[in-house]
N, C-alpha and C. Protein backbone atom coordinates (compact mmCIF):
# COMPACT_ATOMS: atom_id res chain seq x y z
N MET A 1 -42.82 -12.95 164.52
CA MET A 1 -42.36 -11.71 163.90
C MET A 1 -43.52 -11.07 163.14
N ASN A 2 -43.94 -9.88 163.59
CA ASN A 2 -45.07 -9.20 162.97
C ASN A 2 -44.55 -8.33 161.83
N LEU A 3 -44.51 -8.89 160.63
CA LEU A 3 -43.99 -8.15 159.47
C LEU A 3 -44.90 -6.99 159.08
N GLU A 4 -46.19 -7.12 159.34
CA GLU A 4 -47.13 -6.05 159.02
C GLU A 4 -46.83 -4.81 159.87
N LEU A 5 -46.48 -5.03 161.13
CA LEU A 5 -46.12 -3.90 162.00
C LEU A 5 -44.87 -3.20 161.48
N ILE A 6 -43.90 -3.99 161.03
CA ILE A 6 -42.67 -3.41 160.49
C ILE A 6 -42.99 -2.57 159.25
N ARG A 7 -43.82 -3.13 158.36
CA ARG A 7 -44.18 -2.39 157.15
C ARG A 7 -44.91 -1.09 157.48
N ALA A 8 -45.84 -1.15 158.43
CA ALA A 8 -46.61 0.04 158.79
C ALA A 8 -45.76 1.09 159.50
N SER A 9 -44.64 0.66 160.08
CA SER A 9 -43.79 1.59 160.84
C SER A 9 -42.72 2.25 160.00
N ILE A 10 -42.64 1.91 158.71
CA ILE A 10 -41.56 2.43 157.86
C ILE A 10 -41.51 3.97 157.84
N PRO A 11 -42.65 4.69 157.72
CA PRO A 11 -42.55 6.16 157.73
C PRO A 11 -41.94 6.71 159.02
N GLU A 12 -42.32 6.14 160.16
CA GLU A 12 -41.75 6.60 161.42
C GLU A 12 -40.27 6.27 161.51
N ILE A 13 -39.90 5.09 161.00
CA ILE A 13 -38.49 4.70 161.01
C ILE A 13 -37.67 5.64 160.14
N ILE A 14 -38.20 6.03 159.00
CA ILE A 14 -37.49 6.95 158.12
C ILE A 14 -37.29 8.31 158.80
N ASP A 15 -38.31 8.77 159.53
CA ASP A 15 -38.16 10.02 160.28
C ASP A 15 -37.06 9.90 161.33
N GLY A 16 -37.04 8.77 162.05
CA GLY A 16 -36.00 8.56 163.05
C GLY A 16 -34.62 8.47 162.43
N LEU A 17 -34.54 7.80 161.28
CA LEU A 17 -33.27 7.70 160.56
C LEU A 17 -32.78 9.07 160.13
N GLY A 18 -33.71 9.91 159.67
CA GLY A 18 -33.32 11.27 159.28
C GLY A 18 -32.75 12.05 160.45
N PHE A 19 -33.34 11.89 161.62
CA PHE A 19 -32.84 12.60 162.79
C PHE A 19 -31.48 12.04 163.23
N THR A 20 -31.30 10.72 163.07
CA THR A 20 -30.00 10.13 163.37
C THR A 20 -28.92 10.71 162.47
N LEU A 21 -29.22 10.81 161.18
CA LEU A 21 -28.26 11.40 160.24
C LEU A 21 -28.01 12.87 160.55
N LEU A 22 -29.05 13.57 161.00
CA LEU A 22 -28.91 14.98 161.35
C LEU A 22 -27.99 15.18 162.55
N MET A 23 -27.98 14.23 163.45
CA MET A 23 -27.07 14.27 164.60
C MET A 23 -25.68 13.78 164.20
N TRP A 24 -25.64 12.70 163.44
CA TRP A 24 -24.38 12.03 163.17
C TRP A 24 -23.48 12.78 162.20
N LEU A 25 -24.01 13.18 161.04
CA LEU A 25 -23.15 13.77 160.01
C LEU A 25 -22.58 15.13 160.42
N PRO A 26 -23.42 16.12 160.83
CA PRO A 26 -22.84 17.37 161.30
C PRO A 26 -21.99 17.19 162.55
N GLY A 27 -22.42 16.29 163.46
CA GLY A 27 -21.64 16.05 164.67
C GLY A 27 -20.27 15.49 164.36
N SER A 28 -20.20 14.58 163.39
CA SER A 28 -18.91 14.00 162.99
C SER A 28 -18.03 15.04 162.32
N ALA A 29 -18.63 15.89 161.47
CA ALA A 29 -17.85 16.94 160.81
C ALA A 29 -17.26 17.91 161.84
N LEU A 30 -18.08 18.32 162.81
CA LEU A 30 -17.58 19.21 163.86
C LEU A 30 -16.51 18.52 164.70
N ALA A 31 -16.71 17.24 164.98
CA ALA A 31 -15.73 16.49 165.76
C ALA A 31 -14.39 16.40 165.02
N LEU A 32 -14.45 16.16 163.71
CA LEU A 32 -13.22 16.11 162.92
C LEU A 32 -12.50 17.45 162.92
N ALA A 33 -13.26 18.52 162.73
CA ALA A 33 -12.65 19.86 162.69
C ALA A 33 -12.02 20.20 164.03
N LEU A 34 -12.76 19.95 165.12
CA LEU A 34 -12.23 20.25 166.44
C LEU A 34 -11.05 19.34 166.78
N GLY A 35 -11.15 18.06 166.41
CA GLY A 35 -10.04 17.14 166.65
C GLY A 35 -8.79 17.55 165.89
N LEU A 36 -8.96 18.02 164.64
CA LEU A 36 -7.81 18.49 163.86
C LEU A 36 -7.16 19.70 164.53
N LEU A 37 -7.99 20.63 165.01
CA LEU A 37 -7.45 21.81 165.69
C LEU A 37 -6.67 21.42 166.93
N VAL A 38 -7.23 20.53 167.73
CA VAL A 38 -6.55 20.11 168.96
C VAL A 38 -5.24 19.38 168.63
N ALA A 39 -5.27 18.53 167.60
CA ALA A 39 -4.06 17.80 167.22
C ALA A 39 -2.95 18.73 166.75
N ILE A 40 -3.32 19.76 165.98
CA ILE A 40 -2.32 20.72 165.52
C ILE A 40 -1.76 21.53 166.69
N LEU A 41 -2.63 21.91 167.62
CA LEU A 41 -2.16 22.64 168.79
C LEU A 41 -1.20 21.78 169.62
N ARG A 42 -1.52 20.50 169.75
CA ARG A 42 -0.62 19.61 170.49
C ARG A 42 0.70 19.41 169.74
N HIS A 43 0.63 19.40 168.41
CA HIS A 43 1.83 19.15 167.60
C HIS A 43 2.79 20.33 167.62
N TYR A 44 2.22 21.56 167.61
CA TYR A 44 3.05 22.75 167.50
C TYR A 44 3.03 23.63 168.75
N GLY A 45 2.18 23.34 169.72
CA GLY A 45 1.95 24.28 170.82
C GLY A 45 2.93 24.24 171.97
N GLY A 46 3.84 23.30 171.98
CA GLY A 46 4.80 23.24 173.08
C GLY A 46 4.35 22.27 174.16
N PRO A 47 5.29 21.93 175.07
CA PRO A 47 5.01 20.90 176.09
C PRO A 47 3.87 21.25 177.04
N ALA A 48 3.79 22.52 177.48
CA ALA A 48 2.77 22.89 178.46
C ALA A 48 1.36 22.74 177.88
N LEU A 49 1.16 23.26 176.67
CA LEU A 49 -0.15 23.14 176.02
C LEU A 49 -0.46 21.69 175.71
N ASP A 50 0.54 20.95 175.30
CA ASP A 50 0.35 19.54 174.99
C ASP A 50 -0.13 18.77 176.21
N ARG A 51 0.50 19.01 177.36
CA ARG A 51 0.10 18.30 178.58
C ARG A 51 -1.30 18.70 179.02
N GLY A 52 -1.63 19.99 178.91
CA GLY A 52 -2.97 20.44 179.30
C GLY A 52 -4.05 19.82 178.44
N LEU A 53 -3.84 19.82 177.12
CA LEU A 53 -4.82 19.22 176.21
C LEU A 53 -4.89 17.71 176.40
N GLN A 54 -3.75 17.09 176.68
CA GLN A 54 -3.75 15.65 176.91
C GLN A 54 -4.59 15.29 178.14
N ALA A 55 -4.49 16.10 179.18
CA ALA A 55 -5.30 15.85 180.39
C ALA A 55 -6.78 16.00 180.09
N LEU A 56 -7.14 17.03 179.32
CA LEU A 56 -8.54 17.24 178.97
C LEU A 56 -9.08 16.09 178.12
N LEU A 57 -8.28 15.65 177.15
CA LEU A 57 -8.70 14.53 176.31
C LEU A 57 -8.83 13.26 177.13
N GLY A 58 -7.96 13.11 178.12
CA GLY A 58 -8.04 11.93 178.97
C GLY A 58 -9.36 11.86 179.73
N VAL A 59 -9.84 13.02 180.19
CA VAL A 59 -11.13 13.06 180.90
C VAL A 59 -12.26 12.70 179.94
N LEU A 60 -12.24 13.27 178.74
CA LEU A 60 -13.31 13.02 177.78
C LEU A 60 -13.33 11.57 177.31
N ARG A 61 -12.14 11.00 177.10
CA ARG A 61 -12.09 9.61 176.63
C ARG A 61 -12.27 8.61 177.77
N GLY A 62 -12.08 9.07 178.99
CA GLY A 62 -12.17 8.18 180.14
C GLY A 62 -13.54 8.11 180.78
N THR A 63 -14.49 8.89 180.28
CA THR A 63 -15.85 8.86 180.82
C THR A 63 -16.82 8.45 179.72
N PRO A 64 -17.83 7.65 180.05
CA PRO A 64 -18.78 7.20 179.02
C PRO A 64 -19.56 8.36 178.41
N PHE A 65 -19.90 8.21 177.15
CA PHE A 65 -20.70 9.24 176.47
C PHE A 65 -22.05 9.41 177.15
N LEU A 66 -22.60 8.33 177.67
CA LEU A 66 -23.87 8.40 178.39
C LEU A 66 -23.79 9.39 179.55
N VAL A 67 -22.71 9.33 180.30
CA VAL A 67 -22.53 10.23 181.44
C VAL A 67 -22.35 11.66 180.95
N GLN A 68 -21.56 11.85 179.91
CA GLN A 68 -21.29 13.19 179.40
C GLN A 68 -22.55 13.88 178.91
N ILE A 69 -23.36 13.15 178.12
CA ILE A 69 -24.56 13.78 177.55
C ILE A 69 -25.59 14.02 178.65
N PHE A 70 -25.65 13.16 179.63
CA PHE A 70 -26.56 13.34 180.75
C PHE A 70 -26.20 14.60 181.54
N LEU A 71 -24.90 14.77 181.82
CA LEU A 71 -24.46 15.95 182.56
C LEU A 71 -24.67 17.23 181.75
N LEU A 72 -24.43 17.16 180.44
CA LEU A 72 -24.58 18.35 179.59
C LEU A 72 -26.04 18.80 179.53
N TYR A 73 -26.95 17.85 179.32
CA TYR A 73 -28.35 18.22 179.12
C TYR A 73 -29.07 18.52 180.44
N TYR A 74 -28.86 17.66 181.43
CA TYR A 74 -29.59 17.85 182.68
C TYR A 74 -28.82 18.69 183.70
N GLY A 75 -27.49 18.71 183.60
CA GLY A 75 -26.71 19.51 184.53
C GLY A 75 -26.30 20.86 183.98
N GLY A 76 -26.33 21.00 182.65
CA GLY A 76 -25.91 22.25 182.03
C GLY A 76 -26.68 23.48 182.50
N PRO A 77 -28.01 23.41 182.68
CA PRO A 77 -28.75 24.59 183.12
C PRO A 77 -28.28 25.17 184.46
N PHE A 78 -27.65 24.35 185.31
CA PHE A 78 -27.18 24.85 186.60
C PHE A 78 -25.98 25.78 186.44
N ILE A 79 -25.30 25.71 185.29
CA ILE A 79 -24.17 26.62 185.06
C ILE A 79 -24.43 27.52 183.86
N GLY A 80 -25.69 27.63 183.45
CA GLY A 80 -26.06 28.55 182.38
C GLY A 80 -26.06 27.97 180.99
N TRP A 81 -25.85 26.66 180.85
CA TRP A 81 -25.87 26.02 179.54
C TRP A 81 -27.23 25.35 179.35
N ASP A 82 -28.19 26.10 178.87
CA ASP A 82 -29.56 25.59 178.74
C ASP A 82 -29.84 25.29 177.26
N PHE A 83 -29.50 24.08 176.84
CA PHE A 83 -29.67 23.68 175.44
C PHE A 83 -30.92 22.82 175.29
N ASP A 84 -31.56 22.91 174.12
CA ASP A 84 -32.61 21.94 173.85
C ASP A 84 -31.96 20.60 173.52
N ALA A 85 -32.78 19.54 173.43
CA ALA A 85 -32.23 18.19 173.30
C ALA A 85 -31.39 18.00 172.03
N PRO A 86 -31.86 18.42 170.83
CA PRO A 86 -31.03 18.22 169.64
C PRO A 86 -29.70 18.99 169.70
N THR A 87 -29.74 20.22 170.21
CA THR A 87 -28.50 21.00 170.30
C THR A 87 -27.52 20.36 171.27
N ALA A 88 -28.03 19.93 172.43
CA ALA A 88 -27.17 19.26 173.41
C ALA A 88 -26.60 17.97 172.82
N GLY A 89 -27.43 17.23 172.07
CA GLY A 89 -26.95 16.00 171.46
C GLY A 89 -25.86 16.24 170.44
N LEU A 90 -26.06 17.26 169.60
CA LEU A 90 -25.06 17.58 168.58
C LEU A 90 -23.76 18.05 169.21
N LEU A 91 -23.86 18.92 170.22
CA LEU A 91 -22.68 19.43 170.89
C LEU A 91 -21.94 18.31 171.62
N GLY A 92 -22.71 17.49 172.35
CA GLY A 92 -22.08 16.40 173.09
C GLY A 92 -21.39 15.41 172.19
N LEU A 93 -22.03 15.05 171.08
CA LEU A 93 -21.43 14.10 170.15
C LEU A 93 -20.17 14.68 169.51
N SER A 94 -20.18 15.97 169.22
CA SER A 94 -19.03 16.62 168.61
C SER A 94 -17.83 16.62 169.55
N VAL A 95 -18.05 16.99 170.80
CA VAL A 95 -16.95 17.06 171.76
C VAL A 95 -16.42 15.66 172.06
N TYR A 96 -17.33 14.71 172.23
CA TYR A 96 -16.92 13.33 172.50
C TYR A 96 -16.08 12.78 171.34
N GLY A 97 -16.56 12.97 170.12
CA GLY A 97 -15.82 12.48 168.97
C GLY A 97 -14.50 13.20 168.77
N ALA A 98 -14.46 14.50 169.08
CA ALA A 98 -13.23 15.27 168.90
C ALA A 98 -12.09 14.73 169.76
N ALA A 99 -12.41 14.23 170.95
CA ALA A 99 -11.38 13.69 171.83
C ALA A 99 -10.68 12.50 171.18
N TYR A 100 -11.42 11.69 170.45
CA TYR A 100 -10.83 10.53 169.78
C TYR A 100 -10.17 10.91 168.46
N PHE A 101 -10.82 11.79 167.71
CA PHE A 101 -10.21 12.22 166.45
C PHE A 101 -8.90 12.95 166.69
N ALA A 102 -8.81 13.70 167.78
CA ALA A 102 -7.56 14.41 168.09
C ALA A 102 -6.41 13.44 168.25
N GLU A 103 -6.65 12.31 168.92
CA GLU A 103 -5.60 11.31 169.10
C GLU A 103 -5.28 10.61 167.79
N ILE A 104 -6.31 10.32 167.00
CA ILE A 104 -6.08 9.67 165.71
C ILE A 104 -5.24 10.57 164.80
N ILE A 105 -5.60 11.85 164.74
CA ILE A 105 -4.88 12.78 163.87
C ILE A 105 -3.48 13.05 164.39
N ARG A 106 -3.33 13.18 165.71
CA ARG A 106 -1.99 13.38 166.28
C ARG A 106 -1.07 12.22 165.93
N GLY A 107 -1.60 10.99 166.03
CA GLY A 107 -0.81 9.83 165.65
C GLY A 107 -0.46 9.83 164.17
N GLY A 108 -1.41 10.28 163.33
CA GLY A 108 -1.13 10.36 161.90
C GLY A 108 -0.06 11.39 161.57
N LEU A 109 -0.11 12.54 162.23
CA LEU A 109 0.92 13.56 162.01
C LEU A 109 2.30 13.04 162.43
N ALA A 110 2.34 12.33 163.55
CA ALA A 110 3.62 11.81 164.03
C ALA A 110 4.16 10.70 163.13
N ALA A 111 3.26 10.03 162.39
CA ALA A 111 3.68 8.91 161.55
C ALA A 111 4.23 9.34 160.19
N VAL A 112 4.02 10.60 159.81
CA VAL A 112 4.60 11.09 158.55
C VAL A 112 6.12 11.09 158.68
N PRO A 113 6.83 10.50 157.73
CA PRO A 113 8.30 10.44 157.84
C PRO A 113 8.94 11.82 158.05
N ARG A 114 9.86 11.87 158.98
CA ARG A 114 10.51 13.14 159.30
C ARG A 114 11.25 13.72 158.10
N GLY A 115 11.75 12.84 157.24
CA GLY A 115 12.48 13.31 156.06
C GLY A 115 11.63 14.12 155.12
N HIS A 116 10.32 13.82 155.07
CA HIS A 116 9.43 14.59 154.20
C HIS A 116 9.28 16.03 154.72
N VAL A 117 9.21 16.16 156.04
CA VAL A 117 9.11 17.49 156.64
C VAL A 117 10.41 18.26 156.43
N GLU A 118 11.52 17.59 156.59
CA GLU A 118 12.81 18.25 156.39
C GLU A 118 13.00 18.66 154.93
N ALA A 119 12.53 17.83 154.00
CA ALA A 119 12.62 18.18 152.58
C ALA A 119 11.79 19.41 152.27
N ALA A 120 10.61 19.52 152.91
CA ALA A 120 9.78 20.71 152.71
C ALA A 120 10.49 21.96 153.22
N ALA A 121 11.17 21.84 154.36
CA ALA A 121 11.91 22.99 154.89
C ALA A 121 13.07 23.37 153.98
N CYS A 122 13.70 22.36 153.36
CA CYS A 122 14.84 22.63 152.49
C CYS A 122 14.45 23.42 151.24
N VAL A 123 13.22 23.22 150.76
CA VAL A 123 12.80 23.95 149.56
C VAL A 123 12.13 25.27 149.92
N GLY A 124 12.16 25.64 151.19
CA GLY A 124 11.69 26.95 151.60
C GLY A 124 10.24 27.04 152.01
N MET A 125 9.59 25.91 152.26
CA MET A 125 8.19 25.96 152.70
C MET A 125 8.09 26.47 154.13
N THR A 126 7.08 27.28 154.39
CA THR A 126 6.81 27.71 155.75
C THR A 126 6.14 26.56 156.51
N ARG A 127 5.96 26.77 157.84
CA ARG A 127 5.30 25.74 158.64
C ARG A 127 3.87 25.50 158.16
N ALA A 128 3.17 26.58 157.81
CA ALA A 128 1.80 26.44 157.33
C ALA A 128 1.76 25.70 156.00
N GLN A 129 2.69 26.01 155.10
CA GLN A 129 2.74 25.32 153.81
C GLN A 129 3.09 23.85 153.98
N THR A 130 4.00 23.55 154.88
CA THR A 130 4.37 22.16 155.15
C THR A 130 3.18 21.38 155.69
N LEU A 131 2.44 22.02 156.59
CA LEU A 131 1.26 21.37 157.15
C LEU A 131 0.23 21.09 156.07
N ARG A 132 -0.02 22.08 155.21
CA ARG A 132 -1.06 21.96 154.20
C ARG A 132 -0.67 21.04 153.05
N ARG A 133 0.59 21.07 152.63
CA ARG A 133 0.99 20.36 151.43
C ARG A 133 1.67 19.01 151.70
N VAL A 134 2.18 18.82 152.89
CA VAL A 134 2.93 17.60 153.19
C VAL A 134 2.24 16.79 154.29
N LEU A 135 2.11 17.40 155.46
CA LEU A 135 1.61 16.65 156.62
C LEU A 135 0.16 16.20 156.45
N LEU A 136 -0.73 17.13 156.12
CA LEU A 136 -2.15 16.78 156.06
C LEU A 136 -2.47 15.77 154.95
N PRO A 137 -1.95 15.92 153.72
CA PRO A 137 -2.26 14.90 152.70
C PRO A 137 -1.76 13.51 153.06
N GLU A 138 -0.52 13.41 153.56
CA GLU A 138 0.00 12.09 153.92
C GLU A 138 -0.72 11.53 155.13
N MET A 139 -1.00 12.39 156.09
CA MET A 139 -1.71 11.95 157.29
C MET A 139 -3.10 11.44 156.96
N ALA A 140 -3.79 12.06 156.00
CA ALA A 140 -5.16 11.67 155.66
C ALA A 140 -5.24 10.21 155.22
N LEU A 141 -4.28 9.77 154.44
CA LEU A 141 -4.27 8.38 154.00
C LEU A 141 -3.93 7.44 155.15
N LEU A 142 -3.01 7.84 156.00
CA LEU A 142 -2.60 6.99 157.12
C LEU A 142 -3.72 6.74 158.11
N ILE A 143 -4.55 7.76 158.35
CA ILE A 143 -5.56 7.64 159.40
C ILE A 143 -6.94 7.26 158.86
N LEU A 144 -7.07 7.07 157.54
CA LEU A 144 -8.40 6.84 156.98
C LEU A 144 -9.12 5.63 157.60
N PRO A 145 -8.48 4.45 157.73
CA PRO A 145 -9.20 3.33 158.34
C PRO A 145 -9.67 3.62 159.76
N SER A 146 -8.81 4.24 160.56
CA SER A 146 -9.20 4.59 161.93
C SER A 146 -10.31 5.62 161.95
N THR A 147 -10.27 6.55 161.02
CA THR A 147 -11.31 7.57 160.95
C THR A 147 -12.67 6.96 160.59
N ILE A 148 -12.68 6.05 159.64
CA ILE A 148 -13.93 5.38 159.25
C ILE A 148 -14.49 4.60 160.43
N ASN A 149 -13.62 3.90 161.15
CA ASN A 149 -14.07 3.14 162.32
C ASN A 149 -14.67 4.08 163.37
N MET A 150 -14.05 5.23 163.57
CA MET A 150 -14.56 6.17 164.56
C MET A 150 -15.89 6.77 164.11
N LEU A 151 -16.04 7.00 162.83
CA LEU A 151 -17.33 7.49 162.33
C LEU A 151 -18.44 6.47 162.60
N ILE A 152 -18.13 5.20 162.44
CA ILE A 152 -19.11 4.15 162.73
C ILE A 152 -19.44 4.12 164.22
N VAL A 153 -18.42 4.30 165.06
CA VAL A 153 -18.66 4.35 166.50
C VAL A 153 -19.58 5.51 166.86
N LEU A 154 -19.33 6.68 166.28
CA LEU A 154 -20.18 7.84 166.56
C LEU A 154 -21.60 7.62 166.06
N MET A 155 -21.74 6.94 164.92
CA MET A 155 -23.08 6.64 164.43
C MET A 155 -23.85 5.80 165.44
N LYS A 156 -23.19 4.81 166.02
CA LYS A 156 -23.85 3.97 167.01
C LYS A 156 -24.10 4.72 168.32
N GLU A 157 -23.23 5.66 168.64
CA GLU A 157 -23.39 6.42 169.88
C GLU A 157 -24.60 7.36 169.82
N THR A 158 -25.09 7.64 168.61
CA THR A 158 -26.30 8.47 168.54
C THR A 158 -27.47 7.81 169.25
N ALA A 159 -27.42 6.49 169.44
CA ALA A 159 -28.49 5.79 170.16
C ALA A 159 -28.60 6.29 171.59
N VAL A 160 -27.48 6.74 172.16
CA VAL A 160 -27.48 7.23 173.54
C VAL A 160 -28.34 8.49 173.67
N LEU A 161 -28.48 9.24 172.58
CA LEU A 161 -29.22 10.50 172.63
C LEU A 161 -30.70 10.30 172.93
N SER A 162 -31.16 9.07 172.83
CA SER A 162 -32.56 8.80 173.16
C SER A 162 -32.86 9.10 174.63
N ILE A 163 -31.83 9.06 175.51
CA ILE A 163 -32.09 9.31 176.93
C ILE A 163 -32.38 10.79 177.20
N ILE A 164 -32.04 11.67 176.26
CA ILE A 164 -32.36 13.09 176.45
C ILE A 164 -33.49 13.51 175.51
N THR A 165 -34.28 12.55 175.09
CA THR A 165 -35.50 12.75 174.30
C THR A 165 -35.24 13.21 172.86
N VAL A 166 -34.06 12.99 172.33
CA VAL A 166 -33.84 13.25 170.91
C VAL A 166 -34.56 12.16 170.12
N PRO A 167 -35.44 12.52 169.18
CA PRO A 167 -36.24 11.51 168.46
C PRO A 167 -35.47 10.83 167.33
N GLU A 168 -34.33 10.24 167.68
CA GLU A 168 -33.54 9.56 166.65
C GLU A 168 -34.01 8.12 166.50
N LEU A 169 -33.25 7.32 165.78
CA LEU A 169 -33.69 6.00 165.36
C LEU A 169 -34.03 5.09 166.54
N THR A 170 -33.16 5.03 167.53
CA THR A 170 -33.40 4.14 168.66
C THR A 170 -34.63 4.57 169.44
N ALA A 171 -34.79 5.87 169.66
CA ALA A 171 -35.96 6.35 170.40
C ALA A 171 -37.26 6.02 169.68
N VAL A 172 -37.25 6.21 168.37
CA VAL A 172 -38.47 5.95 167.58
C VAL A 172 -38.81 4.47 167.58
N ILE A 173 -37.83 3.63 167.31
CA ILE A 173 -38.11 2.20 167.17
C ILE A 173 -38.44 1.56 168.52
N THR A 174 -37.73 1.93 169.57
CA THR A 174 -38.08 1.37 170.88
C THR A 174 -39.45 1.86 171.33
N GLY A 175 -39.82 3.08 170.92
CA GLY A 175 -41.17 3.57 171.21
C GLY A 175 -42.23 2.74 170.51
N ILE A 176 -41.96 2.37 169.26
CA ILE A 176 -42.88 1.51 168.53
C ILE A 176 -42.99 0.14 169.22
N GLY A 177 -41.86 -0.41 169.62
CA GLY A 177 -41.86 -1.70 170.28
C GLY A 177 -42.62 -1.68 171.59
N SER A 178 -42.44 -0.61 172.37
CA SER A 178 -43.14 -0.51 173.65
C SER A 178 -44.64 -0.31 173.46
N LEU A 179 -45.02 0.47 172.45
CA LEU A 179 -46.43 0.75 172.21
C LEU A 179 -47.21 -0.51 171.82
N HIS A 180 -46.57 -1.35 171.02
CA HIS A 180 -47.26 -2.53 170.50
C HIS A 180 -46.80 -3.83 171.19
N PHE A 181 -45.96 -3.70 172.21
CA PHE A 181 -45.40 -4.87 172.90
C PHE A 181 -44.71 -5.79 171.89
N ALA A 182 -44.04 -5.18 170.93
CA ALA A 182 -43.36 -5.93 169.87
C ALA A 182 -41.86 -5.72 170.02
N TYR A 183 -41.29 -6.29 171.06
CA TYR A 183 -39.88 -6.03 171.37
C TYR A 183 -38.95 -6.76 170.40
N ALA A 184 -39.33 -7.94 169.95
CA ALA A 184 -38.50 -8.66 168.99
C ALA A 184 -38.45 -7.91 167.66
N GLU A 185 -39.59 -7.40 167.23
CA GLU A 185 -39.64 -6.63 165.98
C GLU A 185 -38.80 -5.36 166.09
N ALA A 186 -38.87 -4.71 167.26
CA ALA A 186 -38.09 -3.48 167.46
C ALA A 186 -36.59 -3.78 167.41
N ALA A 187 -36.17 -4.86 168.07
CA ALA A 187 -34.75 -5.23 168.05
C ALA A 187 -34.31 -5.57 166.63
N PHE A 188 -35.15 -6.25 165.89
CA PHE A 188 -34.82 -6.62 164.50
C PHE A 188 -34.67 -5.36 163.64
N MET A 189 -35.62 -4.44 163.77
CA MET A 189 -35.55 -3.21 162.97
C MET A 189 -34.31 -2.39 163.31
N LEU A 190 -33.99 -2.29 164.59
CA LEU A 190 -32.80 -1.55 165.00
C LEU A 190 -31.54 -2.18 164.42
N ALA A 191 -31.45 -3.51 164.52
CA ALA A 191 -30.26 -4.20 164.01
C ALA A 191 -30.09 -3.97 162.51
N VAL A 192 -31.18 -4.07 161.76
CA VAL A 192 -31.11 -3.89 160.32
C VAL A 192 -30.70 -2.46 159.95
N CYS A 193 -31.28 -1.49 160.63
CA CYS A 193 -30.97 -0.08 160.32
C CYS A 193 -29.50 0.25 160.61
N TYR A 194 -29.02 -0.14 161.79
CA TYR A 194 -27.63 0.18 162.13
C TYR A 194 -26.65 -0.63 161.29
N TRP A 195 -27.01 -1.86 160.98
CA TRP A 195 -26.15 -2.65 160.08
C TRP A 195 -26.06 -2.00 158.72
N GLY A 196 -27.19 -1.52 158.19
CA GLY A 196 -27.17 -0.85 156.90
C GLY A 196 -26.31 0.40 156.90
N LEU A 197 -26.43 1.21 157.95
CA LEU A 197 -25.61 2.42 158.05
C LEU A 197 -24.13 2.06 158.15
N THR A 198 -23.82 1.03 158.92
CA THR A 198 -22.42 0.61 159.07
C THR A 198 -21.83 0.14 157.75
N GLU A 199 -22.59 -0.68 157.02
CA GLU A 199 -22.10 -1.19 155.74
C GLU A 199 -21.94 -0.06 154.72
N ALA A 200 -22.87 0.88 154.70
CA ALA A 200 -22.77 2.01 153.77
C ALA A 200 -21.55 2.86 154.07
N THR A 201 -21.29 3.10 155.36
CA THR A 201 -20.12 3.89 155.75
C THR A 201 -18.82 3.17 155.38
N GLY A 202 -18.77 1.87 155.64
CA GLY A 202 -17.59 1.10 155.28
C GLY A 202 -17.34 1.09 153.78
N LEU A 203 -18.42 0.98 153.01
CA LEU A 203 -18.30 0.98 151.55
C LEU A 203 -17.76 2.32 151.04
N LEU A 204 -18.28 3.41 151.58
CA LEU A 204 -17.78 4.73 151.20
C LEU A 204 -16.32 4.91 151.60
N GLY A 205 -15.97 4.40 152.78
CA GLY A 205 -14.60 4.51 153.24
C GLY A 205 -13.64 3.74 152.35
N ARG A 206 -14.03 2.54 151.92
CA ARG A 206 -13.16 1.76 151.04
C ARG A 206 -13.00 2.43 149.68
N GLY A 207 -14.08 3.04 149.19
CA GLY A 207 -13.98 3.77 147.93
C GLY A 207 -13.05 4.97 148.04
N LEU A 208 -13.16 5.70 149.14
CA LEU A 208 -12.29 6.85 149.35
C LEU A 208 -10.85 6.43 149.50
N GLU A 209 -10.62 5.30 150.17
CA GLU A 209 -9.25 4.81 150.33
C GLU A 209 -8.63 4.47 148.99
N ARG A 210 -9.40 3.85 148.10
CA ARG A 210 -8.87 3.53 146.76
C ARG A 210 -8.52 4.80 145.99
N ARG A 211 -9.35 5.82 146.11
CA ARG A 211 -9.08 7.08 145.42
C ARG A 211 -7.83 7.75 145.97
N LEU A 212 -7.66 7.73 147.28
CA LEU A 212 -6.47 8.34 147.87
C LEU A 212 -5.21 7.56 147.51
N GLN A 213 -5.34 6.24 147.40
CA GLN A 213 -4.19 5.44 147.00
C GLN A 213 -3.75 5.79 145.58
N ARG A 214 -4.73 5.96 144.69
CA ARG A 214 -4.39 6.34 143.31
C ARG A 214 -3.74 7.72 143.27
N PHE A 215 -4.25 8.65 144.12
CA PHE A 215 -3.67 9.98 144.18
C PHE A 215 -2.23 9.91 144.69
N ARG A 216 -2.01 9.06 145.68
CA ARG A 216 -0.66 8.95 146.25
C ARG A 216 0.32 8.38 145.23
N LEU A 217 -0.13 7.34 144.47
CA LEU A 217 0.73 6.77 143.46
C LEU A 217 1.02 7.75 142.34
N ALA A 218 0.00 8.58 142.00
CA ALA A 218 0.21 9.58 140.96
C ALA A 218 1.22 10.63 141.41
């Protein structure tokens, strides 16, 4: 294990980590927003829209992210979608994550007790008010563990973006390993970086869950 190589590579690793965060955090936020929109449309849009969106989500969840990002970046120009690598990576990660978040949120909305929705209607709340004041707050607590797990999955999926030349963490570290023939060191650095990101995300998720639990009890 060449520890000197690891120490000398820290600036490059930090740059790669920054690019990973640049893909992961905005991509996850967009995926959550799009997933919420799709879940609400499925919840209120009627059977025909629900079946159409379900079929689309089935395609997105049934194909590997590697295939999707490859088709978007290398096949997109044939239909007029000519994105640079970071834009294609961000868009691909957002759409891929939205397919899973939509199912997570739809399940959370369905898990809210029906009596709570009926009570909101009895006091004169509109559908929008019920969604904002009853469904979304209760759903947020129900789906938090699944949401945190999905965020971790998306963080790891950023490694796939290296195939379209996005200079994220995996691309940078594997490049260092190939340049110096230090494959064990590269694998070690990758494992430590992704483990650290996973633990930090889990810690934040547990903290948020405790805060939401206190809010619910209050």
